[in-house]
Amino acid sequence: MRALRDLRARPRGTAVAHGGSRVGLAVPNEHHSDLELAILRYCADHPNAADTLDGVRRWWLADPTRTTGEVEAALDALVAAGLLDIRRLPDGTAIYFNRARGSD
């Protein structure tokens, strides 16, 4: 839970560290839901993570009580805030990934 408190207390523009290195993920001061914070924490711990909506729900969060709609809303909010990126595959599937990872 300390990591979650640390994310909430982080000033705007502060990079989240992973193993002593910056991963480039900044958490603004404005309110984020616990679900958004859990996603950000996962990205801080796994800077190369990339997955679909279902993958985020099943593997990043591992919380079967979260609905697809809740997770999609949290991901959309993080993309809109510039904290996550999204890439659409030719079939329309959305892949969400840590903004620090870039579009390589």
PDB file of N, CA and C in Angstrom:
ATOM      1  N   MET A   1       0.813  -1.199   0.000  1.00  0.00           N
ATOM      2  CA  MET A   1       0.000   0.000   0.000  1.00  0.00           C
ATOM      3  C   MET A   1       0.859   1.267   0.000  1.00  0.00           C
ATOM      4  N   ARG A   2       2.102   1.144   0.448  1.00  0.00           N
ATOM      5  CA  ARG A   2       2.965   2.321   0.471  1.00  0.00           C
ATOM      6  C   ARG A   2       3.141   2.904  -0.926  1.00  0.00           C
ATOM      7  N   ALA A   3       3.291   2.034  -1.927  1.00  0.00           N
ATOM      8  CA  ALA A   3       3.466   2.509  -3.300  1.00  0.00           C
ATOM      9  C   ALA A   3       2.257   3.315  -3.751  1.00  0.00           C
ATOM     10  N   LEU A   4       1.069   2.864  -3.381  1.00  0.00           N
ATOM     11  CA  LEU A   4      -0.148   3.584  -3.741  1.00  0.00           C
ATOM     12  C   LEU A   4      -0.184   4.958  -3.073  1.00  0.00           C
ATOM     13  N   ARG A   5       0.186   5.021  -1.804  1.00  0.00           N
ATOM     14  CA  ARG A   5       0.246   6.316  -1.110  1.00  0.00           C
ATOM     15  C   ARG A   5       1.283   7.212  -1.760  1.00  0.00           C
ATOM     16  N   ASP A   6       2.434   6.643  -2.131  1.00  0.00           N
ATOM     17  CA  ASP A   6       3.478   7.427  -2.780  1.00  0.00           C
ATOM     18  C   ASP A   6       2.989   8.011  -4.095  1.00  0.00           C
ATOM     19  N   LEU A   7       2.248   7.242  -4.877  1.00  0.00           N
ATOM     20  CA  LEU A   7       1.721   7.754  -6.145  1.00  0.00           C
ATOM     21  C   LEU A   7       0.738   8.897  -5.911  1.00  0.00           C
ATOM     22  N   ARG A   8      -0.111   8.754  -4.907  1.00  0.00           N
ATOM     23  CA  ARG A   8      -1.092   9.799  -4.614  1.00  0.00           C
ATOM     24  C   ARG A   8      -0.420  11.090  -4.150  1.00  0.00           C
ATOM     25  N   ALA A   9       0.688  10.975  -3.423  1.00  0.00           N
ATOM     26  CA  ALA A   9       1.347  12.143  -2.833  1.00  0.00           C
ATOM     27  C   ALA A   9       2.324  12.818  -3.790  1.00  0.00           C
ATOM     28  N   ARG A  10       2.620  12.197  -4.903  1.00  0.00           N
ATOM     29  CA  ARG A  10       3.624  12.704  -5.834  1.00  0.00           C
ATOM     30  C   ARG A  10       3.196  14.029  -6.464  1.00  0.00           C
ATOM     31  N   PRO A  11       4.047  15.057  -6.421  1.00  0.00           N
ATOM     32  CA  PRO A  11       3.714  16.328  -7.057  1.00  0.00           C
ATOM     33  C   PRO A  11       3.659  16.194  -8.576  1.00  0.00           C
ATOM     34  N   ARG A  12       2.922  17.094  -9.219  1.00  0.00           N
ATOM     35  CA  ARG A  12       2.783  17.107 -10.671  1.00  0.00           C
ATOM     36  C   ARG A  12       4.167  17.137 -11.329  1.00  0.00           C
ATOM     37  N   GLY A  13       4.326  16.282 -12.337  1.00  0.00           N
ATOM     38  CA  GLY A  13       5.564  16.267 -13.090  1.00  0.00           C
ATOM     39  C   GLY A  13       6.679  15.444 -12.476  1.00  0.00           C
ATOM     40  N   THR A  14       6.409  14.764 -11.370  1.00  0.00           N
ATOM     41  CA  THR A  14       7.430  13.945 -10.739  1.00  0.00           C
ATOM     42  C   THR A  14       7.439  12.577 -11.406  1.00  0.00           C
ATOM     43  N   ALA A  15       8.598  12.121 -11.799  1.00  0.00           N
ATOM     44  CA  ALA A  15       8.702  10.823 -12.460  1.00  0.00           C
ATOM     45  C   ALA A  15       8.598   9.708 -11.438  1.00  0.00           C
ATOM     46  N   VAL A  16       7.975   8.635 -11.835  1.00  0.00           N
ATOM     47  CA  VAL A  16       7.894   7.454 -10.999  1.00  0.00           C
ATOM     48  C   VAL A  16       9.159   6.654 -11.219  1.00  0.00           C
ATOM     49  N   ALA A  17       9.807   6.265 -10.134  1.00  0.00           N
ATOM     50  CA  ALA A  17      11.071   5.529 -10.245  1.00  0.00           C
ATOM     51  C   ALA A  17      10.810   4.035 -10.255  1.00  0.00           C
ATOM     52  N   HIS A  18      11.650   3.325 -10.972  1.00  0.00           N
ATOM     53  CA  HIS A  18      11.604   1.868 -10.992  1.00  0.00           C
ATOM     54  C   HIS A  18      13.031   1.382 -10.816  1.00  0.00           C
ATOM     55  N   GLY A  19      13.312   0.776  -9.685  1.00  0.00           N
ATOM     56  CA  GLY A  19      14.648   0.264  -9.436  1.00  0.00           C
ATOM     57  C   GLY A  19      15.716   1.340  -9.482  1.00  0.00           C
ATOM     58  N   GLY A  20      15.368   2.544  -9.037  1.00  0.00           N
ATOM     59  CA  GLY A  20      16.334   3.623  -9.006  1.00  0.00           C
ATOM     60  C   GLY A  20      16.455   4.389 -10.312  1.00  0.00           C
ATOM     61  N   SER A  21      15.726   3.965 -11.355  1.00  0.00           N
ATOM     62  CA  SER A  21      15.787   4.694 -12.622  1.00  0.00           C
ATOM     63  C   SER A  21      14.434   5.304 -12.934  1.00  0.00           C
ATOM     64  N   ARG A  22      14.447   6.380 -13.672  1.00  0.00           N
ATOM     65  CA  ARG A  22      13.198   7.032 -14.052  1.00  0.00           C
ATOM     66  C   ARG A  22      12.587   6.278 -15.214  1.00  0.00           C
ATOM     67  N   VAL A  23      11.292   6.079 -15.158  1.00  0.00           N
ATOM     68  CA  VAL A  23      10.612   5.455 -16.277  1.00  0.00           C
ATOM     69  C   VAL A  23       9.782   6.473 -17.048  1.00  0.00           C
ATOM     70  N   GLY A  24       9.799   7.716 -16.608  1.00  0.00           N
ATOM     71  CA  GLY A  24       9.143   8.776 -17.352  1.00  0.00           C
ATOM     72  C   GLY A  24       7.652   8.881 -17.146  1.00  0.00           C
ATOM     73  N   LEU A  25       7.104   8.196 -16.191  1.00  0.00           N
ATOM     74  CA  LEU A  25       5.676   8.245 -15.949  1.00  0.00           C
ATOM     75  C   LEU A  25       5.392   9.262 -14.868  1.00  0.00           C
ATOM     76  N   ALA A  26       4.711  10.337 -15.202  1.00  0.00           N
ATOM     77  CA  ALA A  26       4.409  11.388 -14.238  1.00  0.00           C
ATOM     78  C   ALA A  26       2.969  11.264 -13.775  1.00  0.00           C
ATOM     79  N   VAL A  27       2.748  11.502 -12.520  1.00  0.00           N
ATOM     80  CA  VAL A  27       1.404  11.419 -11.963  1.00  0.00           C
ATOM     81  C   VAL A  27       0.976  12.805 -11.522  1.00  0.00           C
ATOM     82  N   PRO A  28       0.032  13.415 -12.233  1.00  0.00           N
ATOM     83  CA  PRO A  28      -0.421  14.748 -11.842  1.00  0.00           C
ATOM     84  C   PRO A  28      -1.113  14.740 -10.484  1.00  0.00           C
ATOM     85  N   ASN A  29      -1.240  15.912  -9.894  1.00  0.00           N
ATOM     86  CA  ASN A  29      -1.868  16.059  -8.589  1.00  0.00           C
ATOM     87  C   ASN A  29      -3.378  15.850  -8.601  1.00  0.00           C
ATOM     88  N   GLU A  30      -4.033  16.100  -9.745  1.00  0.00           N
ATOM     89  CA  GLU A  30      -5.482  15.979  -9.736  1.00  0.00           C
ATOM     90  C   GLU A  30      -5.904  14.562  -9.364  1.00  0.00           C
ATOM     91  N   HIS A  31      -7.125  14.442  -8.951  1.00  0.00           N
ATOM     92  CA  HIS A  31      -7.644  13.183  -8.441  1.00  0.00           C
ATOM     93  C   HIS A  31      -7.590  12.071  -9.492  1.00  0.00           C
ATOM     94  N   HIS A  32      -7.085  10.920  -9.092  1.00  0.00           N
ATOM     95  CA  HIS A  32      -7.136   9.712  -9.903  1.00  0.00           C
ATOM     96  C   HIS A  32      -7.849   8.657  -9.084  1.00  0.00           C
ATOM     97  N   SER A  33      -8.649   7.842  -9.747  1.00  0.00           N
ATOM     98  CA  SER A  33      -9.332   6.764  -9.042  1.00  0.00           C
ATOM     99  C   SER A  33      -8.314   5.724  -8.580  1.00  0.00           C
ATOM    100  N   ASP A  34      -8.732   4.891  -7.643  1.00  0.00           N
ATOM    101  CA  ASP A  34      -7.864   3.814  -7.184  1.00  0.00           C
ATOM    102  C   ASP A  34      -7.507   2.893  -8.345  1.00  0.00           C
ATOM    103  N   LEU A  35      -8.428   2.716  -9.269  1.00  0.00           N
ATOM    104  CA  LEU A  35      -8.183   1.877 -10.432  1.00  0.00           C
ATOM    105  C   LEU A  35      -7.104   2.490 -11.325  1.00  0.00           C
ATOM    106  N   GLU A  36      -7.189   3.779 -11.569  1.00  0.00           N
ATOM    107  CA  GLU A  36      -6.155   4.472 -12.350  1.00  0.00           C
ATOM    108  C   GLU A  36      -4.798   4.366 -11.659  1.00  0.00           C
ATOM    109  N   LEU A  37      -4.780   4.550 -10.365  1.00  0.00           N
ATOM    110  CA  LEU A  37      -3.526   4.453  -9.613  1.00  0.00           C
ATOM    111  C   LEU A  37      -2.946   3.040  -9.671  1.00  0.00           C
ATOM    112  N   ALA A  38      -3.798   2.027  -9.647  1.00  0.00           N
ATOM    113  CA  ALA A  38      -3.322   0.648  -9.757  1.00  0.00           C
ATOM    114  C   ALA A  38      -2.682   0.408 -11.122  1.00  0.00           C
ATOM    115  N   ILE A  39      -3.271   0.966 -12.166  1.00  0.00           N
ATOM    116  CA  ILE A  39      -2.710   0.836 -13.513  1.00  0.00           C
ATOM    117  C   ILE A  39      -1.373   1.562 -13.586  1.00  0.00           C
ATOM    118  N   LEU A  40      -1.304   2.762 -13.041  1.00  0.00           N
ATOM    119  CA  LEU A  40      -0.049   3.518 -13.041  1.00  0.00           C
ATOM    120  C   LEU A  40       1.037   2.797 -12.250  1.00  0.00           C
ATOM    121  N   ARG A  41       0.651   2.210 -11.134  1.00  0.00           N
ATOM    122  CA  ARG A  41       1.614   1.461 -10.327  1.00  0.00           C
ATOM    123  C   ARG A  41       2.146   0.269 -11.110  1.00  0.00           C
ATOM    124  N   TYR A  42       1.264  -0.421 -11.821  1.00  0.00           N
ATOM    125  CA  TYR A  42       1.701  -1.554 -12.636  1.00  0.00           C
ATOM    126  C   TYR A  42       2.704  -1.085 -13.697  1.00  0.00           C
ATOM    127  N   CYS A  43       2.411   0.040 -14.332  1.00  0.00           N
ATOM    128  CA  CYS A  43       3.308   0.581 -15.362  1.00  0.00           C
ATOM    129  C   CYS A  43       4.656   0.985 -14.773  1.00  0.00           C
ATOM    130  N   ALA A  44       4.655   1.506 -13.568  1.00  0.00           N
ATOM    131  CA  ALA A  44       5.915   1.865 -12.910  1.00  0.00           C
ATOM    132  C   ALA A  44       6.740   0.614 -12.615  1.00  0.00           C
ATOM    133  N   ASP A  45       6.068  -0.454 -12.232  1.00  0.00           N
ATOM    134  CA  ASP A  45       6.754  -1.705 -11.923  1.00  0.00           C
ATOM    135  C   ASP A  45       7.130  -2.497 -13.172  1.00  0.00           C
ATOM    136  N   HIS A  46       6.415  -2.263 -14.277  1.00  0.00           N
ATOM    137  CA  HIS A  46       6.623  -3.003 -15.529  1.00  0.00           C
ATOM    138  C   HIS A  46       6.665  -1.995 -16.681  1.00  0.00           C
ATOM    139  N   PRO A  47       7.751  -1.252 -16.826  1.00  0.00           N
ATOM    140  CA  PRO A  47       7.792  -0.149 -17.789  1.00  0.00           C
ATOM    141  C   PRO A  47       7.615  -0.561 -19.251  1.00  0.00           C
ATOM    142  N   ASN A  48       7.806  -1.825 -19.586  1.00  0.00           N
ATOM    143  CA  ASN A  48       7.618  -2.265 -20.968  1.00  0.00           C
ATOM    144  C   ASN A  48       6.279  -2.951 -21.202  1.00  0.00           C
ATOM    145  N   ALA A  49       5.385  -2.856 -20.237  1.00  0.00           N
ATOM    146  CA  ALA A  49       4.087  -3.515 -20.351  1.00  0.00           C
ATOM    147  C   ALA A  49       3.264  -2.913 -21.483  1.00  0.00           C
ATOM    148  N   ALA A  50       2.562  -3.780 -22.185  1.00  0.00           N
ATOM    149  CA  ALA A  50       1.620  -3.375 -23.228  1.00  0.00           C
ATOM    150  C   ALA A  50       0.569  -4.466 -23.320  1.00  0.00           C
ATOM    151  N   ASP A  51      -0.694  -4.073 -23.368  1.00  0.00           N
ATOM    152  CA  ASP A  51      -1.736  -5.095 -23.406  1.00  0.00           C
ATOM    153  C   ASP A  51      -3.051  -4.506 -23.882  1.00  0.00           C
ATOM    154  N   THR A  52      -3.974  -5.400 -24.199  1.00  0.00           N
ATOM    155  CA  THR A  52      -5.331  -5.021 -24.580  1.00  0.00           C
ATOM    156  C   THR A  52      -6.137  -4.684 -23.331  1.00  0.00           C
ATOM    157  N   LEU A  53      -7.332  -4.182 -23.533  1.00  0.00           N
ATOM    158  CA  LEU A  53      -8.240  -3.899 -22.418  1.00  0.00           C
ATOM    159  C   LEU A  53      -8.442  -5.148 -21.563  1.00  0.00           C
ATOM    160  N   ASP A  54      -8.721  -6.277 -22.203  1.00  0.00           N
ATOM    161  CA  ASP A  54      -8.931  -7.509 -21.446  1.00  0.00           C
ATOM    162  C   ASP A  54      -7.661  -7.943 -20.728  1.00  0.00           C
ATOM    163  N   GLY A  55      -6.509  -7.776 -21.377  1.00  0.00           N
ATOM    164  CA  GLY A  55      -5.244  -8.124 -20.745  1.00  0.00           C
ATOM    165  C   GLY A  55      -4.951  -7.259 -19.532  1.00  0.00           C
ATOM    166  N   VAL A  56      -5.245  -5.966 -19.645  1.00  0.00           N
ATOM    167  CA  VAL A  56      -5.057  -5.063 -18.507  1.00  0.00           C
ATOM    168  C   VAL A  56      -5.941  -5.512 -17.351  1.00  0.00           C
ATOM    169  N   ARG A  57      -7.185  -5.812 -17.659  1.00  0.00           N
ATOM    170  CA  ARG A  57      -8.134  -6.234 -16.626  1.00  0.00           C
ATOM    171  C   ARG A  57      -7.696  -7.543 -15.979  1.00  0.00           C
ATOM    172  N   ARG A  58      -7.299  -8.512 -16.789  1.00  0.00           N
ATOM    173  CA  ARG A  58      -6.970  -9.844 -16.270  1.00  0.00           C
ATOM    174  C   ARG A  58      -5.590  -9.935 -15.651  1.00  0.00           C
ATOM    175  N   TRP A  59      -4.579  -9.292 -16.254  1.00  0.00           N
ATOM    176  CA  TRP A  59      -3.195  -9.510 -15.834  1.00  0.00           C
ATOM    177  C   TRP A  59      -2.620  -8.343 -15.044  1.00  0.00           C
ATOM    178  N   TRP A  60      -2.850  -7.110 -15.499  1.00  0.00           N
ATOM    179  CA  TRP A  60      -2.292  -5.964 -14.779  1.00  0.00           C
ATOM    180  C   TRP A  60      -3.007  -5.781 -13.451  1.00  0.00           C
ATOM    181  N   LEU A  61      -4.334  -5.923 -13.474  1.00  0.00           N
ATOM    182  CA  LEU A  61      -5.120  -5.661 -12.269  1.00  0.00           C
ATOM    183  C   LEU A  61      -5.433  -6.940 -11.494  1.00  0.00           C
ATOM    184  N   ALA A  62      -5.589  -8.052 -12.195  1.00  0.00           N
ATOM    185  CA  ALA A  62      -5.911  -9.342 -11.571  1.00  0.00           C
ATOM    186  C   ALA A  62      -7.055  -9.201 -10.568  1.00  0.00           C
ATOM    187  N   ASP A  63      -8.066  -8.440 -10.971  1.00  0.00           N
ATOM    188  CA  ASP A  63      -9.214  -8.196 -10.100  1.00  0.00           C
ATOM    189  C   ASP A  63     -10.496  -8.499 -10.879  1.00  0.00           C
ATOM    190  N   PRO A  64     -11.036  -9.711 -10.719  1.00  0.00           N
ATOM    191  CA  PRO A  64     -12.214 -10.098 -11.487  1.00  0.00           C
ATOM    192  C   PRO A  64     -13.472  -9.296 -11.154  1.00  0.00           C
ATOM    193  N   THR A  65     -13.435  -8.525 -10.078  1.00  0.00           N
ATOM    194  CA  THR A  65     -14.614  -7.722  -9.731  1.00  0.00           C
ATOM    195  C   THR A  65     -14.709  -6.452 -10.576  1.00  0.00           C
ATOM    196  N   ARG A  66     -13.628  -6.071 -11.238  1.00  0.00           N
ATOM    197  CA  ARG A  66     -13.633  -4.865 -12.080  1.00  0.00           C
ATOM    198  C   ARG A  66     -14.284  -5.183 -13.417  1.00  0.00           C
ATOM    199  N   THR A  67     -15.239  -4.366 -13.802  1.00  0.00           N
ATOM    200  CA  THR A  67     -15.906  -4.580 -15.082  1.00  0.00           C
ATOM    201  C   THR A  67     -15.046  -4.039 -16.211  1.00  0.00           C
ATOM    202  N   THR A  68     -15.313  -4.545 -17.395  1.00  0.00           N
ATOM    203  CA  THR A  68     -14.605  -4.056 -18.573  1.00  0.00           C
ATOM    204  C   THR A  68     -14.834  -2.559 -18.732  1.00  0.00           C
ATOM    205  N   GLY A  69     -16.050  -2.096 -18.467  1.00  0.00           N
ATOM    206  CA  GLY A  69     -16.366  -0.670 -18.580  1.00  0.00           C
ATOM    207  C   GLY A  69     -15.568   0.194 -17.628  1.00  0.00           C
ATOM    208  N   GLU A  70     -15.407  -0.275 -16.384  1.00  0.00           N
ATOM    209  CA  GLU A  70     -14.610   0.467 -15.400  1.00  0.00           C
ATOM    210  C   GLU A  70     -13.155   0.579 -15.834  1.00  0.00           C
ATOM    211  N   VAL A  71     -12.603  -0.531 -16.299  1.00  0.00           N
ATOM    212  CA  VAL A  71     -11.197  -0.546 -16.713  1.00  0.00           C
ATOM    213  C   VAL A  71     -11.012   0.321 -17.954  1.00  0.00           C
ATOM    214  N   GLU A  72     -11.940   0.219 -18.904  1.00  0.00           N
ATOM    215  CA  GLU A  72     -11.845   1.033 -20.115  1.00  0.00           C
ATOM    216  C   GLU A  72     -11.908   2.525 -19.784  1.00  0.00           C
ATOM    217  N   ALA A  73     -12.783   2.906 -18.862  1.00  0.00           N
ATOM    218  CA  ALA A  73     -12.889   4.316 -18.458  1.00  0.00           C
ATOM    219  C   ALA A  73     -11.587   4.791 -17.813  1.00  0.00           C
ATOM    220  N   ALA A  74     -10.978   3.961 -16.966  1.00  0.00           N
ATOM    221  CA  ALA A  74      -9.716   4.334 -16.322  1.00  0.00           C
ATOM    222  C   ALA A  74      -8.604   4.468 -17.366  1.00  0.00           C
ATOM    223  N   LEU A  75      -8.532   3.522 -18.299  1.00  0.00           N
ATOM    224  CA  LEU A  75      -7.515   3.591 -19.354  1.00  0.00           C
ATOM    225  C   LEU A  75      -7.713   4.834 -20.221  1.00  0.00           C
ATOM    226  N   ASP A  76      -8.958   5.116 -20.591  1.00  0.00           N
ATOM    227  CA  ASP A  76      -9.249   6.301 -21.404  1.00  0.00           C
ATOM    228  C   ASP A  76      -8.841   7.577 -20.681  1.00  0.00           C
ATOM    229  N   ALA A  77      -9.090   7.634 -19.371  1.00  0.00           N
ATOM    230  CA  ALA A  77      -8.710   8.817 -18.588  1.00  0.00           C
ATOM    231  C   ALA A  77      -7.193   8.978 -18.557  1.00  0.00           C
ATOM    232  N   LEU A  78      -6.473   7.884 -18.418  1.00  0.00           N
ATOM    233  CA  LEU A  78      -5.008   7.944 -18.379  1.00  0.00           C
ATOM    234  C   LEU A  78      -4.426   8.308 -19.747  1.00  0.00           C
ATOM    235  N   VAL A  79      -5.046   7.831 -20.815  1.00  0.00           N
ATOM    236  CA  VAL A  79      -4.617   8.214 -22.165  1.00  0.00           C
ATOM    237  C   VAL A  79      -4.872   9.704 -22.366  1.00  0.00           C
ATOM    238  N   ALA A  80      -6.064  10.170 -21.974  1.00  0.00           N
ATOM    239  CA  ALA A  80      -6.413  11.596 -22.124  1.00  0.00           C
ATOM    240  C   ALA A  80      -5.466  12.484 -21.317  1.00  0.00           C
ATOM    241  N   ALA A  81      -5.002  12.000 -20.172  1.00  0.00           N
ATOM    242  CA  ALA A  81      -4.085  12.767 -19.328  1.00  0.00           C
ATOM    243  C   ALA A  81      -2.642  12.670 -19.826  1.00  0.00           C
ATOM    244  N   GLY A  82      -2.406  11.870 -20.853  1.00  0.00           N
ATOM    245  CA  GLY A  82      -1.058  11.735 -21.391  1.00  0.00           C
ATOM    246  C   GLY A  82      -0.165  10.810 -20.584  1.00  0.00           C
ATOM    247  N   LEU A  83      -0.749   9.967 -19.740  1.00  0.00           N
ATOM    248  CA  LEU A  83       0.043   9.077 -18.896  1.00  0.00           C
ATOM    249  C   LEU A  83       0.205   7.682 -19.493  1.00  0.00           C
ATOM    250  N   LEU A  84      -0.679   7.325 -20.412  1.00  0.00           N
ATOM    251  CA  LEU A  84      -0.575   6.085 -21.166  1.00  0.00           C
ATOM    252  C   LEU A  84      -0.730   6.417 -22.636  1.00  0.00           C
ATOM    253  N   ASP A  85      -0.226   5.549 -23.482  1.00  0.00           N
ATOM    254  CA  ASP A  85      -0.446   5.668 -24.923  1.00  0.00           C
ATOM    255  C   ASP A  85      -1.302   4.505 -25.379  1.00  0.00           C
ATOM    256  N   ILE A  86      -1.885   4.673 -26.545  1.00  0.00           N
ATOM    257  CA  ILE A  86      -2.732   3.649 -27.133  1.00  0.00           C
ATOM    258  C   ILE A  86      -2.331   3.500 -28.596  1.00  0.00           C
ATOM    259  N   ARG A  87      -2.321   2.281 -29.053  1.00  0.00           N
ATOM    260  CA  ARG A  87      -2.063   2.004 -30.467  1.00  0.00           C
ATOM    261  C   ARG A  87      -3.168   1.069 -30.948  1.00  0.00           C
ATOM    262  N   ARG A  88      -3.728   1.372 -32.110  1.00  0.00           N
ATOM    263  CA  ARG A  88      -4.774   0.532 -32.692  1.00  0.00           C
ATOM    264  C   ARG A  88      -4.149  -0.410 -33.718  1.00  0.00           C
ATOM    265  N   LEU A  89      -4.442  -1.686 -33.583  1.00  0.00           N
ATOM    266  CA  LEU A  89      -4.004  -2.675 -34.545  1.00  0.00           C
ATOM    267  C   LEU A  89      -4.917  -2.607 -35.773  1.00  0.00           C
ATOM    268  N   PRO A  90      -4.499  -3.182 -36.899  1.00  0.00           N
ATOM    269  CA  PRO A  90      -5.331  -3.126 -38.105  1.00  0.00           C
ATOM    270  C   PRO A  90      -6.757  -3.654 -37.900  1.00  0.00           C
ATOM    271  N   ASP A  91      -6.938  -4.615 -36.977  1.00  0.00           N
ATOM    272  CA  ASP A  91      -8.290  -5.139 -36.727  1.00  0.00           C
ATOM    273  C   ASP A  91      -9.091  -4.261 -35.766  1.00  0.00           C
ATOM    274  N   GLY A  92      -8.502  -3.142 -35.296  1.00  0.00           N
ATOM    275  CA  GLY A  92      -9.194  -2.223 -34.404  1.00  0.00           C
ATOM    276  C   GLY A  92      -8.917  -2.442 -32.932  1.00  0.00           C
ATOM    277  N   THR A  93      -8.240  -3.524 -32.591  1.00  0.00           N
ATOM    278  CA  THR A  93      -7.905  -3.802 -31.192  1.00  0.00           C
ATOM    279  C   THR A  93      -6.992  -2.708 -30.652  1.00  0.00           C
ATOM    280  N   ALA A  94      -7.318  -2.215 -29.461  1.00  0.00           N
ATOM    281  CA  ALA A  94      -6.506  -1.183 -28.808  1.00  0.00           C
ATOM    282  C   ALA A  94      -5.469  -1.852 -27.918  1.00  0.00           C
ATOM    283  N   ILE A  95      -4.221  -1.390 -28.043  1.00  0.00           N
ATOM    284  CA  ILE A  95      -3.136  -1.833 -27.169  1.00  0.00           C
ATOM    285  C   ILE A  95      -2.720  -0.622 -26.336  1.00  0.00           C
ATOM    286  N   TYR A  96      -2.745  -0.781 -25.022  1.00  0.00           N
ATOM    287  CA  TYR A  96      -2.369   0.290 -24.091  1.00  0.00           C
ATOM    288  C   TYR A  96      -0.952   0.023 -23.615  1.00  0.00           C
ATOM    289  N   PHE A  97      -0.147   1.087 -23.518  1.00  0.00           N
ATOM    290  CA  PHE A  97       1.212   0.912 -23.056  1.00  0.00           C
ATOM    291  C   PHE A  97       1.712   2.150 -22.348  1.00  0.00           C
ATOM    292  N   ASN A  98       2.743   1.947 -21.545  1.00  0.00           N
ATOM    293  CA  ASN A  98       3.375   2.995 -20.775  1.00  0.00           C
ATOM    294  C   ASN A  98       3.909   4.056 -21.733  1.00  0.00           C
ATOM    295  N   ARG A  99       3.559   5.285 -21.521  1.00  0.00           N
ATOM    296  CA  ARG A  99       3.994   6.384 -22.385  1.00  0.00           C
ATOM    297  C   ARG A  99       5.515   6.439 -22.496  1.00  0.00           C
ATOM    298  N   ALA A 100       6.236   6.104 -21.417  1.00  0.00           N
ATOM    299  CA  ALA A 100       7.694   6.140 -21.418  1.00  0.00           C
ATOM    300  C   ALA A 100       8.282   5.130 -22.386  1.00  0.00           C
ATOM    301  N   ARG A 101       7.529   4.102 -22.706  1.00  0.00           N
ATOM    302  CA  ARG A 101       8.009   3.052 -23.599  1.00  0.00           C
ATOM    303  C   ARG A 101       8.158   3.577 -25.015  1.00  0.00           C
ATOM    304  N   GLY A 102       7.340   4.556 -25.376  1.00  0.00           N
ATOM    305  CA  GLY A 102       7.401   5.109 -26.717  1.00  0.00           C
ATOM    306  C   GLY A 102       6.629   4.242 -27.697  1.00  0.00           C
ATOM    307  N   SER A 103       6.745   4.537 -28.954  1.00  0.00           N
ATOM    308  CA  SER A 103       5.967   3.802 -29.961  1.00  0.00           C
ATOM    309  C   SER A 103       6.847   2.902 -30.803  1.00  0.00           C
ATOM    310  N   ASP A 104       7.919   2.355 -30.177  1.00  0.00           N
ATOM    311  CA  ASP A 104       8.829   1.486 -30.922  1.00  0.00           C
ATOM    312  C   ASP A 104       8.206   0.195 -31.361  1.00  0.00           C
TER     313      ASP A 104
END
